Amino acid sequence: MGVFVFLPLVLPLTAWPIARLAEQHLHPRTATRLLTAVAAVMAVCSTLCLALLMVVGTAQLPGNPLPDGWSDPEVWAAVPYDEVAGKAAIPALCAVVAASARALWRHGRVRRRAHQALAGLPGSAVAVLPDDVPYAYALPGGRRDRVVVTTALLDCLEPAERRALFAHERAHLADRHHRFLLAVRLAALANPFLRPLRTAVAYTAERWADETAARAVGDRRTVATAIGKAALVSRGTPVATLAGLAAPGPVPRRVAALLGPAPAVRTWPPVFTSVGLAAWGAAAGTAMSAMSSANAAVTMFLILRTATPL
C-alpha cells in the first residue's frame, strides 16, 4: 500500500479553498451539491483507509481474531510505520464509528420526537404551534413533509414576510436540504479536515432556500427582511440537520446577498478564475483520494489473500 493509504487522510485539505470561494462565487445550489459530493467521497475514502490500517494494527495485537498469516512480517511491511499507524488506527476508527452512530441516532430521535409532538394536530403541510418561543423549521419524513412554525414568530412578521418564511421552508423540503446537511455532518465526523465544508454547506443550503423563496415571493428585499427579523427573535432549529429560516450562521451575509442581484446559475465555474481553479483543485484531490484508497484496498486484499492459508 505504501504512502497511498495515508493520502486520503490529508487530501481533504485540497478542498479548503473551494469551501470558502464557493460561498461567494457559485450559485448556492451548485455550491451545495459540489461541496457535499466532495465531502462525501473524501470521507468514505479516508474511513476506508483507516479500516485498512486497522487490519494491520489488529494483526499486531496478541490474541487477535485474524488468521495467523495476517500477522506475518510481509503484511506488517505493507504499511509504512505499521507499528504506530496500525495501532493508532484502531481507536481512531472506533471513534469515527461511535461519533457517526451517535449523530445518526440523535438525528433520528429528534425527528421522531418532532413528529410525535405533531401527532394530535391536523395533517396539513403547515403546523402552527401556540408557543411563546419563536422558531420555525422544515420537518421531513413521516407521513408527509411539514413546515413547523410558532405563533410567536408569525406575530413578528408582516403578511408578505410570512409568505417568504413559508416559501423558504418549503424550499428546504422540496430540495431535500436535510440530506445534504446530514451528509456533510457525518463527513466532518469521519475526517476533521472536512469541517470547513460542513460549515460552507450549512450556509449555502440556506442561501439556496433564500433564492428559491425570493423567486416565489417576487421580492428579494421582503425575504431579506423576514430573515433579519426571524434571526433577531428566533433560537434556530432543534438539530443541525433540520433547516430553518433563522438557522445559526452568517445571517448578515445572507441578507446582503438578497439585497444584491440574483446569482448567476452555472453548472461549473470558469476555469481561469480563483473559484474555477479551486474547484478543479478540489476535484483533483477527490479523484486522487478515490484512486489512493482503491489502490490501497486492492493491495491489501492481494497481500492478505496471499498470506491467508488455503
C-alpha atoms as a PDB file:
ATOM      1  CA  MET A   1       0.000   0.000   0.000  1.00  0.00           C
ATOM      2  CA  GLY A   2       2.826   2.382   0.766  1.00  0.00           C
ATOM      3  CA  VAL A   3       2.054   6.042   1.190  1.00  0.00           C
ATOM      4  CA  PHE A   4      -1.219   5.724  -0.753  1.00  0.00           C
ATOM      5  CA  VAL A   5      -3.022   4.556   2.379  1.00  0.00           C
ATOM      6  CA  PHE A   6      -2.255   7.851   4.122  1.00  0.00           C
ATOM      7  CA  LEU A   7      -3.122  10.265   1.311  1.00  0.00           C
ATOM      8  CA  PRO A   8      -6.941  10.175   1.739  1.00  0.00           C
ATOM      9  CA  LEU A   9      -6.487  11.219   5.363  1.00  0.00           C
ATOM     10  CA  VAL A  10      -4.925  14.567   4.382  1.00  0.00           C
ATOM     11  CA  LEU A  11      -6.256  15.213   0.868  1.00  0.00           C
ATOM     12  CA  PRO A  12      -9.382  16.968   2.243  1.00  0.00           C
ATOM     13  CA  LEU A  13      -7.050  19.937   2.698  1.00  0.00           C
ATOM     14  CA  THR A  14      -7.261  20.440  -1.076  1.00  0.00           C
ATOM     15  CA  ALA A  15     -10.970  21.290  -0.679  1.00  0.00           C
ATOM     16  CA  TRP A  16     -10.477  24.156   1.751  1.00  0.00           C
ATOM     17  CA  PRO A  17     -10.112  26.859  -0.948  1.00  0.00           C
ATOM     18  CA  ILE A  18     -13.340  25.863  -2.718  1.00  0.00           C
ATOM     19  CA  ALA A  19     -15.180  25.657   0.605  1.00  0.00           C
ATOM     20  CA  ARG A  20     -14.616  29.381   1.072  1.00  0.00           C
ATOM     21  CA  LEU A  21     -14.835  30.584  -2.519  1.00  0.00           C
ATOM     22  CA  ALA A  22     -17.977  28.584  -3.378  1.00  0.00           C
ATOM     23  CA  GLU A  23     -19.970  30.588  -0.838  1.00  0.00           C
ATOM     24  CA  GLN A  24     -19.071  33.817  -2.600  1.00  0.00           C
ATOM     25  CA  HIS A  25     -18.894  32.985  -6.297  1.00  0.00           C
ATOM     26  CA  LEU A  26     -21.089  29.967  -7.055  1.00  0.00           C
ATOM     27  CA  HIS A  27     -24.854  29.686  -7.172  1.00  0.00           C
ATOM     28  CA  PRO A  28     -25.947  28.244  -3.809  1.00  0.00           C
ATOM     29  CA  ARG A  29     -27.469  25.173  -5.457  1.00  0.00           C
ATOM     30  CA  THR A  30     -24.243  24.401  -7.334  1.00  0.00           C
ATOM     31  CA  ALA A  31     -22.105  25.079  -4.265  1.00  0.00           C
ATOM     32  CA  THR A  32     -24.218  22.843  -2.015  1.00  0.00           C
ATOM     33  CA  ARG A  33     -24.139  19.908  -4.402  1.00  0.00           C
ATOM     34  CA  LEU A  34     -20.445  20.275  -5.231  1.00  0.00           C
ATOM     35  CA  LEU A  35     -19.254  20.604  -1.637  1.00  0.00           C
ATOM     36  CA  THR A  36     -21.456  17.752  -0.420  1.00  0.00           C
ATOM     37  CA  ALA A  37     -20.198  15.419  -3.144  1.00  0.00           C
ATOM     38  CA  VAL A  38     -16.566  16.279  -2.404  1.00  0.00           C
ATOM     39  CA  ALA A  39     -17.060  15.837   1.342  1.00  0.00           C
ATOM     40  CA  ALA A  40     -18.902  12.525   0.990  1.00  0.00           C
ATOM     41  CA  VAL A  41     -16.324  10.946  -1.341  1.00  0.00           C
ATOM     42  CA  MET A  42     -13.361  12.104   0.725  1.00  0.00           C
ATOM     43  CA  ALA A  43     -14.981  10.917   3.957  1.00  0.00           C
ATOM     44  CA  VAL A  44     -15.615   7.447   2.541  1.00  0.00           C
ATOM     45  CA  CYS A  45     -12.063   7.209   1.228  1.00  0.00           C
ATOM     46  CA  SER A  46     -10.441   8.298   4.489  1.00  0.00           C
ATOM     47  CA  THR A  47     -12.631   5.914   6.502  1.00  0.00           C
ATOM     48  CA  LEU A  48     -11.714   3.044   4.181  1.00  0.00           C
ATOM     49  CA  CYS A  49      -8.017   3.763   4.651  1.00  0.00           C
ATOM     50  CA  LEU A  50      -8.472   3.876   8.425  1.00  0.00           C
ATOM     51  CA  ALA A  51     -10.095   0.452   8.182  1.00  0.00           C
ATOM     52  CA  LEU A  52      -7.164  -0.877   6.143  1.00  0.00           C
ATOM     53  CA  LEU A  53      -4.703   0.463   8.685  1.00  0.00           C
ATOM     54  CA  MET A  54      -6.779  -1.082  11.466  1.00  0.00           C
ATOM     55  CA  VAL A  55      -6.422  -4.510   9.867  1.00  0.00           C
ATOM     56  CA  VAL A  56      -2.652  -4.190  10.125  1.00  0.00           C
ATOM     57  CA  GLY A  57      -2.909  -2.854  13.666  1.00  0.00           C
ATOM     58  CA  THR A  58      -5.217  -5.651  14.758  1.00  0.00           C
ATOM     59  CA  ALA A  59      -2.831  -8.222  13.305  1.00  0.00           C
ATOM     60  CA  GLN A  60      -0.150  -6.987  15.723  1.00  0.00           C
ATOM     61  CA  LEU A  61      -2.248  -7.435  18.861  1.00  0.00           C
ATOM     62  CA  PRO A  62      -1.741 -10.611  20.914  1.00  0.00           C
ATOM     63  CA  GLY A  63      -4.677 -12.955  20.723  1.00  0.00           C
ATOM     64  CA  ASN A  64      -6.156 -11.203  17.705  1.00  0.00           C
ATOM     65  CA  PRO A  65      -9.030 -12.972  15.943  1.00  0.00           C
ATOM     66  CA  LEU A  66      -7.425 -12.718  12.496  1.00  0.00           C
ATOM     67  CA  PRO A  67      -5.763 -15.664  10.740  1.00  0.00           C
ATOM     68  CA  ASP A  68      -2.140 -16.271  11.759  1.00  0.00           C
ATOM     69  CA  GLY A  69      -0.902 -15.462   8.271  1.00  0.00           C
ATOM     70  CA  TRP A  70      -2.200 -11.873   8.582  1.00  0.00           C
ATOM     71  CA  SER A  71       0.374 -11.097  11.295  1.00  0.00           C
ATOM     72  CA  ASP A  72       3.327 -12.134   9.156  1.00  0.00           C
ATOM     73  CA  PRO A  73       6.093  -9.558   8.680  1.00  0.00           C
ATOM     74  CA  GLU A  74       5.112  -9.356   4.988  1.00  0.00           C
ATOM     75  CA  VAL A  75       1.739  -7.930   5.972  1.00  0.00           C
ATOM     76  CA  TRP A  76       3.263  -5.561   8.521  1.00  0.00           C
ATOM     77  CA  ALA A  77       5.736  -4.303   5.947  1.00  0.00           C
ATOM     78  CA  ALA A  78       2.907  -3.408   3.548  1.00  0.00           C
ATOM     79  CA  VAL A  79       2.251  -0.215   5.500  1.00  0.00           C
ATOM     80  CA  PRO A  80       4.992   2.277   6.371  1.00  0.00           C
ATOM     81  CA  TYR A  81       5.454   2.722  10.134  1.00  0.00           C
ATOM     82  CA  ASP A  82       2.910  -0.025  10.671  1.00  0.00           C
ATOM     83  CA  GLU A  83       3.580  -0.363  14.390  1.00  0.00           C
ATOM     84  CA  VAL A  84       2.488   3.235  15.017  1.00  0.00           C
ATOM     85  CA  ALA A  85      -0.100   3.828  12.304  1.00  0.00           C
ATOM     86  CA  GLY A  86      -1.728   0.408  12.539  1.00  0.00           C
ATOM     87  CA  LYS A  87      -2.333   0.580  16.283  1.00  0.00           C
ATOM     88  CA  ALA A  88      -3.346   4.264  16.204  1.00  0.00           C
ATOM     89  CA  ALA A  89      -5.956   3.484  13.535  1.00  0.00           C
ATOM     90  CA  ILE A  90      -7.874   1.183  15.894  1.00  0.00           C
ATOM     91  CA  PRO A  91      -9.088   3.846  18.367  1.00  0.00           C
ATOM     92  CA  ALA A  92      -9.394   6.396  15.554  1.00  0.00           C
ATOM     93  CA  LEU A  93     -11.778   4.206  13.553  1.00  0.00           C
ATOM     94  CA  CYS A  94     -13.729   3.278  16.688  1.00  0.00           C
ATOM     95  CA  ALA A  95     -14.132   6.986  17.453  1.00  0.00           C
ATOM     96  CA  VAL A  96     -15.376   7.691  13.911  1.00  0.00           C
ATOM     97  CA  VAL A  97     -17.913   4.866  14.028  1.00  0.00           C
ATOM     98  CA  ALA A  98     -19.129   5.843  17.504  1.00  0.00           C
ATOM     99  CA  ALA A  99     -19.477   9.534  16.624  1.00  0.00           C
ATOM    100  CA  SER A 100     -21.302   8.782  13.369  1.00  0.00           C
ATOM    101  CA  ALA A 101     -23.664   6.333  15.071  1.00  0.00           C
ATOM    102  CA  ARG A 102     -24.408   8.859  17.810  1.00  0.00           C
ATOM    103  CA  ALA A 103     -25.103  11.607  15.255  1.00  0.00           C
ATOM    104  CA  LEU A 104     -27.473   9.367  13.299  1.00  0.00           C
ATOM    105  CA  TRP A 105     -29.245   8.238  16.459  1.00  0.00           C
ATOM    106  CA  ARG A 106     -29.655  11.794  17.718  1.00  0.00           C
ATOM    107  CA  HIS A 107     -30.896  12.985  14.327  1.00  0.00           C
ATOM    108  CA  GLY A 108     -33.455  10.181  14.161  1.00  0.00           C
ATOM    109  CA  ARG A 109     -34.559  10.733  17.750  1.00  0.00           C
ATOM    110  CA  VAL A 110     -35.183  14.455  17.205  1.00  0.00           C
ATOM    111  CA  ARG A 111     -37.193  13.796  14.065  1.00  0.00           C
ATOM    112  CA  ARG A 112     -39.257  11.086  15.784  1.00  0.00           C
ATOM    113  CA  ARG A 113     -39.995  13.303  18.752  1.00  0.00           C
ATOM    114  CA  ALA A 114     -40.938  16.185  16.465  1.00  0.00           C
ATOM    115  CA  HIS A 115     -43.398  14.008  14.542  1.00  0.00           C
ATOM    116  CA  GLN A 116     -44.828  12.596  17.766  1.00  0.00           C
ATOM    117  CA  ALA A 117     -45.371  16.120  19.094  1.00  0.00           C
ATOM    118  CA  LEU A 118     -47.388  16.941  15.966  1.00  0.00           C
ATOM    119  CA  ALA A 119     -49.440  13.729  16.044  1.00  0.00           C
ATOM    120  CA  GLY A 120     -52.532  15.389  17.503  1.00  0.00           C
ATOM    121  CA  LEU A 121     -52.602  18.261  15.006  1.00  0.00           C
ATOM    122  CA  PRO A 122     -54.417  18.272  11.655  1.00  0.00           C
ATOM    123  CA  GLY A 123     -52.425  16.578   8.919  1.00  0.00           C
ATOM    124  CA  SER A 124     -51.785  19.742   6.932  1.00  0.00           C
ATOM    125  CA  ALA A 125     -48.484  20.720   5.325  1.00  0.00           C
ATOM    126  CA  VAL A 126     -48.068  23.547   7.855  1.00  0.00           C
ATOM    127  CA  ALA A 127     -48.174  23.060  11.623  1.00  0.00           C
ATOM    128  CA  VAL A 128     -48.697  26.269  13.615  1.00  0.00           C
ATOM    129  CA  LEU A 129     -47.864  25.759  17.289  1.00  0.00           C
ATOM    130  CA  PRO A 130     -49.222  28.062  20.019  1.00  0.00           C
ATOM    131  CA  ASP A 131     -45.864  28.721  21.629  1.00  0.00           C
ATOM    132  CA  ASP A 132     -44.264  31.808  23.156  1.00  0.00           C
ATOM    133  CA  VAL A 133     -40.852  30.765  21.802  1.00  0.00           C
ATOM    134  CA  PRO A 134     -40.348  31.991  18.205  1.00  0.00           C
ATOM    135  CA  TYR A 135     -38.921  29.389  15.811  1.00  0.00           C
ATOM    136  CA  ALA A 136     -39.614  27.688  12.507  1.00  0.00           C
ATOM    137  CA  TYR A 137     -38.092  24.730  10.720  1.00  0.00           C
ATOM    138  CA  ALA A 138     -38.688  22.228   7.943  1.00  0.00           C
ATOM    139  CA  LEU A 139     -39.528  18.728   9.210  1.00  0.00           C
ATOM    140  CA  PRO A 140     -39.068  15.987   6.595  1.00  0.00           C
ATOM    141  CA  GLY A 141     -40.219  12.391   6.795  1.00  0.00           C
ATOM    142  CA  GLY A 142     -43.135  10.747   8.488  1.00  0.00           C
ATOM    143  CA  ARG A 143     -46.370  10.533   6.534  1.00  0.00           C
ATOM    144  CA  ARG A 144     -45.659  13.871   4.900  1.00  0.00           C
ATOM    145  CA  ASP A 145     -43.195  16.737   4.999  1.00  0.00           C
ATOM    146  CA  ARG A 146     -44.287  19.608   7.203  1.00  0.00           C
ATOM    147  CA  VAL A 147     -43.347  23.192   7.976  1.00  0.00           C
ATOM    148  CA  VAL A 148     -43.398  23.860  11.715  1.00  0.00           C
ATOM    149  CA  VAL A 149     -43.771  27.431  12.941  1.00  0.00           C
ATOM    150  CA  THR A 150     -44.882  29.023  16.190  1.00  0.00           C
ATOM    151  CA  THR A 151     -47.387  31.806  16.650  1.00  0.00           C
ATOM    152  CA  ALA A 152     -44.693  33.863  18.396  1.00  0.00           C
ATOM    153  CA  LEU A 153     -42.639  34.010  15.200  1.00  0.00           C
ATOM    154  CA  LEU A 154     -45.632  34.659  12.947  1.00  0.00           C
ATOM    155  CA  ASP A 155     -46.645  37.584  15.152  1.00  0.00           C
ATOM    156  CA  CYS A 156     -43.253  39.191  14.488  1.00  0.00           C
ATOM    157  CA  LEU A 157     -43.668  39.142  10.702  1.00  0.00           C
ATOM    158  CA  GLU A 158     -45.792  41.069   8.227  1.00  0.00           C
ATOM    159  CA  PRO A 159     -48.052  39.081   5.835  1.00  0.00           C
ATOM    160  CA  ALA A 160     -45.557  39.312   2.954  1.00  0.00           C
ATOM    161  CA  GLU A 161     -42.753  38.230   5.255  1.00  0.00           C
ATOM    162  CA  ARG A 162     -44.804  35.249   6.379  1.00  0.00           C
ATOM    163  CA  ARG A 163     -45.147  34.181   2.757  1.00  0.00           C
ATOM    164  CA  ALA A 164     -41.378  34.465   2.448  1.00  0.00           C
ATOM    165  CA  LEU A 165     -40.936  32.297   5.549  1.00  0.00           C
ATOM    166  CA  PHE A 166     -43.187  29.551   4.230  1.00  0.00           C
ATOM    167  CA  ALA A 167     -41.573  29.695   0.787  1.00  0.00           C
ATOM    168  CA  HIS A 168     -38.146  29.337   2.408  1.00  0.00           C
ATOM    169  CA  GLU A 169     -39.161  26.318   4.493  1.00  0.00           C
ATOM    170  CA  ARG A 170     -40.915  24.640   1.559  1.00  0.00           C
ATOM    171  CA  ALA A 171     -37.747  25.072  -0.474  1.00  0.00           C
ATOM    172  CA  HIS A 172     -35.806  23.172   2.204  1.00  0.00           C
ATOM    173  CA  LEU A 173     -38.277  20.307   1.963  1.00  0.00           C
ATOM    174  CA  ALA A 174     -38.603  20.263  -1.820  1.00  0.00           C
ATOM    175  CA  ASP A 175     -34.845  20.197  -2.414  1.00  0.00           C
ATOM    176  CA  ARG A 176     -34.157  17.783   0.493  1.00  0.00           C
ATOM    177  CA  HIS A 177     -31.612  20.046   2.127  1.00  0.00           C
ATOM    178  CA  HIS A 178     -31.612  17.933   5.287  1.00  0.00           C
ATOM    179  CA  ARG A 179     -29.852  15.180   3.346  1.00  0.00           C
ATOM    180  CA  PHE A 180     -27.017  17.488   2.314  1.00  0.00           C
ATOM    181  CA  LEU A 181     -26.657  18.755   5.879  1.00  0.00           C
ATOM    182  CA  LEU A 182     -26.603  15.255   7.337  1.00  0.00           C
ATOM    183  CA  ALA A 183     -24.090  14.032   4.747  1.00  0.00           C
ATOM    184  CA  VAL A 184     -21.572  16.800   5.448  1.00  0.00           C
ATOM    185  CA  ARG A 185     -22.102  16.413   9.184  1.00  0.00           C
ATOM    186  CA  LEU A 186     -21.157  12.734   9.001  1.00  0.00           C
ATOM    187  CA  ALA A 187     -18.260  13.552   6.671  1.00  0.00           C
ATOM    188  CA  ALA A 188     -16.859  16.054   9.178  1.00  0.00           C
ATOM    189  CA  LEU A 189     -17.080  13.412  11.896  1.00  0.00           C
ATOM    190  CA  ALA A 190     -15.233  10.942   9.697  1.00  0.00           C
ATOM    191  CA  ASN A 191     -12.417  13.403   8.941  1.00  0.00           C
ATOM    192  CA  PRO A 192     -11.952  16.661  10.895  1.00  0.00           C
ATOM    193  CA  PHE A 193     -10.289  18.249   7.859  1.00  0.00           C
ATOM    194  CA  LEU A 194     -13.753  18.314   6.240  1.00  0.00           C
ATOM    195  CA  ARG A 195     -15.267  20.638   8.840  1.00  0.00           C
ATOM    196  CA  PRO A 196     -14.886  23.746   6.633  1.00  0.00           C
ATOM    197  CA  LEU A 197     -17.067  22.033   4.025  1.00  0.00           C
ATOM    198  CA  ARG A 198     -19.733  21.327   6.633  1.00  0.00           C
ATOM    199  CA  THR A 199     -19.784  24.994   7.630  1.00  0.00           C
ATOM    200  CA  ALA A 200     -19.935  26.077   3.994  1.00  0.00           C
ATOM    201  CA  VAL A 201     -22.818  23.727   3.139  1.00  0.00           C
ATOM    202  CA  ALA A 202     -24.798  24.898   6.165  1.00  0.00           C
ATOM    203  CA  TYR A 203     -24.562  28.397   4.697  1.00  0.00           C
ATOM    204  CA  THR A 204     -25.112  27.547   1.014  1.00  0.00           C
ATOM    205  CA  ALA A 205     -28.153  25.397   1.798  1.00  0.00           C
ATOM    206  CA  GLU A 206     -29.761  28.384   3.498  1.00  0.00           C
ATOM    207  CA  ARG A 207     -28.780  30.630   0.602  1.00  0.00           C
ATOM    208  CA  TRP A 208     -30.298  28.107  -1.805  1.00  0.00           C
ATOM    209  CA  ALA A 209     -33.598  28.291   0.062  1.00  0.00           C
ATOM    210  CA  ASP A 210     -33.307  32.099   0.209  1.00  0.00           C
ATOM    211  CA  GLU A 211     -33.039  32.345  -3.569  1.00  0.00           C
ATOM    212  CA  THR A 212     -35.914  29.925  -4.101  1.00  0.00           C
ATOM    213  CA  ALA A 213     -38.080  31.937  -1.706  1.00  0.00           C
ATOM    214  CA  ALA A 214     -37.112  35.183  -3.446  1.00  0.00           C
ATOM    215  CA  ARG A 215     -38.276  33.788  -6.795  1.00  0.00           C
ATOM    216  CA  ALA A 216     -41.513  32.511  -5.254  1.00  0.00           C
ATOM    217  CA  VAL A 217     -42.321  35.782  -3.486  1.00  0.00           C
ATOM    218  CA  GLY A 218     -41.008  38.003  -6.253  1.00  0.00           C
ATOM    219  CA  ASP A 219     -39.302  40.436  -3.862  1.00  0.00           C
ATOM    220  CA  ARG A 220     -35.771  39.850  -2.630  1.00  0.00           C
ATOM    221  CA  ARG A 221     -35.985  42.649  -0.057  1.00  0.00           C
ATOM    222  CA  THR A 222     -39.027  41.058   1.601  1.00  0.00           C
ATOM    223  CA  VAL A 223     -37.151  37.785   2.051  1.00  0.00           C
ATOM    224  CA  ALA A 224     -34.139  39.651   3.442  1.00  0.00           C
ATOM    225  CA  THR A 225     -36.349  41.480   5.931  1.00  0.00           C
ATOM    226  CA  ALA A 226     -38.018  38.245   7.035  1.00  0.00           C
ATOM    227  CA  ILE A 227     -34.636  36.596   7.612  1.00  0.00           C
ATOM    228  CA  GLY A 228     -33.379  39.550   9.605  1.00  0.00           C
ATOM    229  CA  LYS A 229     -36.448  39.711  11.832  1.00  0.00           C
ATOM    230  CA  ALA A 230     -36.511  35.954  12.402  1.00  0.00           C
ATOM    231  CA  ALA A 231     -32.813  35.921  13.271  1.00  0.00           C
ATOM    232  CA  LEU A 232     -33.313  38.601  15.927  1.00  0.00           C
ATOM    233  CA  VAL A 233     -36.039  36.720  17.786  1.00  0.00           C
ATOM    234  CA  SER A 234     -35.551  33.051  16.889  1.00  0.00           C
ATOM    235  CA  ARG A 235     -33.411  30.407  18.588  1.00  0.00           C
ATOM    236  CA  GLY A 236     -32.793  28.407  15.444  1.00  0.00           C
ATOM    237  CA  THR A 237     -33.749  24.756  14.945  1.00  0.00           C
ATOM    238  CA  PRO A 238     -33.670  21.777  17.369  1.00  0.00           C
ATOM    239  CA  VAL A 239     -30.903  19.940  15.495  1.00  0.00           C
ATOM    240  CA  ALA A 240     -28.243  20.942  12.997  1.00  0.00           C
ATOM    241  CA  THR A 241     -29.622  18.801  10.182  1.00  0.00           C
ATOM    242  CA  LEU A 242     -33.097  20.375  10.339  1.00  0.00           C
ATOM    243  CA  ALA A 243     -33.003  23.507   8.197  1.00  0.00           C
ATOM    244  CA  GLY A 244     -34.809  26.698   9.098  1.00  0.00           C
ATOM    245  CA  LEU A 245     -35.199  30.330   8.132  1.00  0.00           C
ATOM    246  CA  ALA A 246     -33.158  31.616  11.072  1.00  0.00           C
ATOM    247  CA  ALA A 247     -30.569  28.850  11.181  1.00  0.00           C
ATOM    248  CA  PRO A 248     -27.351  29.759  13.004  1.00  0.00           C
ATOM    249  CA  GLY A 249     -24.709  31.272  10.789  1.00  0.00           C
ATOM    250  CA  PRO A 250     -23.745  34.447   8.961  1.00  0.00           C
ATOM    251  CA  VAL A 251     -27.225  35.975   8.686  1.00  0.00           C
ATOM    252  CA  PRO A 252     -25.870  39.425   7.683  1.00  0.00           C
ATOM    253  CA  ARG A 253     -24.183  37.846   4.656  1.00  0.00           C
ATOM    254  CA  ARG A 254     -27.448  36.209   3.635  1.00  0.00           C
ATOM    255  CA  VAL A 255     -29.301  39.491   3.954  1.00  0.00           C
ATOM    256  CA  ALA A 256     -26.612  41.331   1.995  1.00  0.00           C
ATOM    257  CA  ALA A 257     -26.740  38.718  -0.772  1.00  0.00           C
ATOM    258  CA  LEU A 258     -30.526  39.094  -1.067  1.00  0.00           C
ATOM    259  CA  LEU A 259     -30.236  42.862  -1.277  1.00  0.00           C
ATOM    260  CA  GLY A 260     -27.954  42.427  -4.287  1.00  0.00           C
ATOM    261  CA  PRO A 261     -28.678  40.883  -7.707  1.00  0.00           C
ATOM    262  CA  ALA A 262     -29.594  37.226  -8.069  1.00  0.00           C
ATOM    263  CA  PRO A 263     -26.549  34.956  -8.555  1.00  0.00           C
ATOM    264  CA  ALA A 264     -25.855  33.564 -11.996  1.00  0.00           C
ATOM    265  CA  VAL A 265     -26.702  29.895 -12.479  1.00  0.00           C
ATOM    266  CA  ARG A 266     -23.647  27.921 -13.622  1.00  0.00           C
ATOM    267  CA  THR A 267     -23.100  24.186 -13.515  1.00  0.00           C
ATOM    268  CA  TRP A 268     -19.316  24.701 -13.272  1.00  0.00           C
ATOM    269  CA  PRO A 269     -17.260  27.863 -12.762  1.00  0.00           C
ATOM    270  CA  PRO A 270     -14.914  29.204 -15.475  1.00  0.00           C
ATOM    271  CA  VAL A 271     -11.506  27.550 -15.354  1.00  0.00           C
ATOM    272  CA  PHE A 272      -9.252  30.602 -15.251  1.00  0.00           C
ATOM    273  CA  THR A 273     -10.780  32.181 -12.165  1.00  0.00           C
ATOM    274  CA  SER A 274      -9.987  31.750  -8.477  1.00  0.00           C
ATOM    275  CA  VAL A 275     -13.148  29.718  -7.849  1.00  0.00           C
ATOM    276  CA  GLY A 276     -12.575  27.700 -11.024  1.00  0.00           C
ATOM    277  CA  LEU A 277      -9.036  26.786 -10.025  1.00  0.00           C
ATOM    278  CA  ALA A 278     -10.216  25.950  -6.513  1.00  0.00           C
ATOM    279  CA  ALA A 279     -12.993  23.745  -7.902  1.00  0.00           C
ATOM    280  CA  TRP A 280     -10.591  21.863 -10.146  1.00  0.00           C
ATOM    281  CA  GLY A 281      -8.161  21.528  -7.235  1.00  0.00           C
ATOM    282  CA  ALA A 282     -10.893  20.009  -5.073  1.00  0.00           C
ATOM    283  CA  ALA A 283     -11.938  17.719  -7.929  1.00  0.00           C
ATOM    284  CA  ALA A 284      -8.335  16.588  -8.403  1.00  0.00           C
ATOM    285  CA  GLY A 285      -7.949  15.992  -4.674  1.00  0.00           C
ATOM    286  CA  THR A 286     -11.177  13.974  -4.621  1.00  0.00           C
ATOM    287  CA  ALA A 287     -10.102  11.874  -7.598  1.00  0.00           C
ATOM    288  CA  MET A 288      -6.680  11.298  -6.070  1.00  0.00           C
ATOM    289  CA  SER A 289      -8.286  10.301  -2.782  1.00  0.00           C
ATOM    290  CA  ALA A 290     -10.524   7.786  -4.548  1.00  0.00           C
ATOM    291  CA  MET A 291      -7.636   6.312  -6.539  1.00  0.00           C
ATOM    292  CA  SER A 292      -5.366   6.139  -3.498  1.00  0.00           C
ATOM    293  CA  SER A 293      -7.934   4.361  -1.356  1.00  0.00           C
ATOM    294  CA  ALA A 294      -8.773   1.971  -4.195  1.00  0.00           C
ATOM    295  CA  ASN A 295      -5.090   1.222  -4.727  1.00  0.00           C
ATOM    296  CA  ALA A 296      -4.564   0.597  -1.004  1.00  0.00           C
ATOM    297  CA  ALA A 297      -7.653  -1.620  -0.778  1.00  0.00           C
ATOM    298  CA  VAL A 298      -6.647  -3.762  -3.768  1.00  0.00           C
ATOM    299  CA  THR A 299      -3.066  -4.068  -2.494  1.00  0.00           C
ATOM    300  CA  MET A 300      -4.228  -5.087   0.973  1.00  0.00           C
ATOM    301  CA  PHE A 301      -6.639  -7.621  -0.489  1.00  0.00           C
ATOM    302  CA  LEU A 302      -3.891  -9.229  -2.576  1.00  0.00           C
ATOM    303  CA  ILE A 303      -1.468  -9.323   0.356  1.00  0.00           C
ATOM    304  CA  LEU A 304      -3.992 -10.824   2.751  1.00  0.00           C
ATOM    305  CA  ARG A 305      -5.151 -13.309   0.154  1.00  0.00           C
ATOM    306  CA  THR A 306      -1.558 -14.448  -0.279  1.00  0.00           C
ATOM    307  CA  ALA A 307      -0.920 -14.542   3.465  1.00  0.00           C
ATOM    308  CA  THR A 308      -4.059 -16.496   4.285  1.00  0.00           C
ATOM    309  CA  PRO A 309      -3.552 -20.256   4.028  1.00  0.00           C
ATOM    310  CA  LEU A 310      -5.995 -22.148   1.848  1.00  0.00           C
END
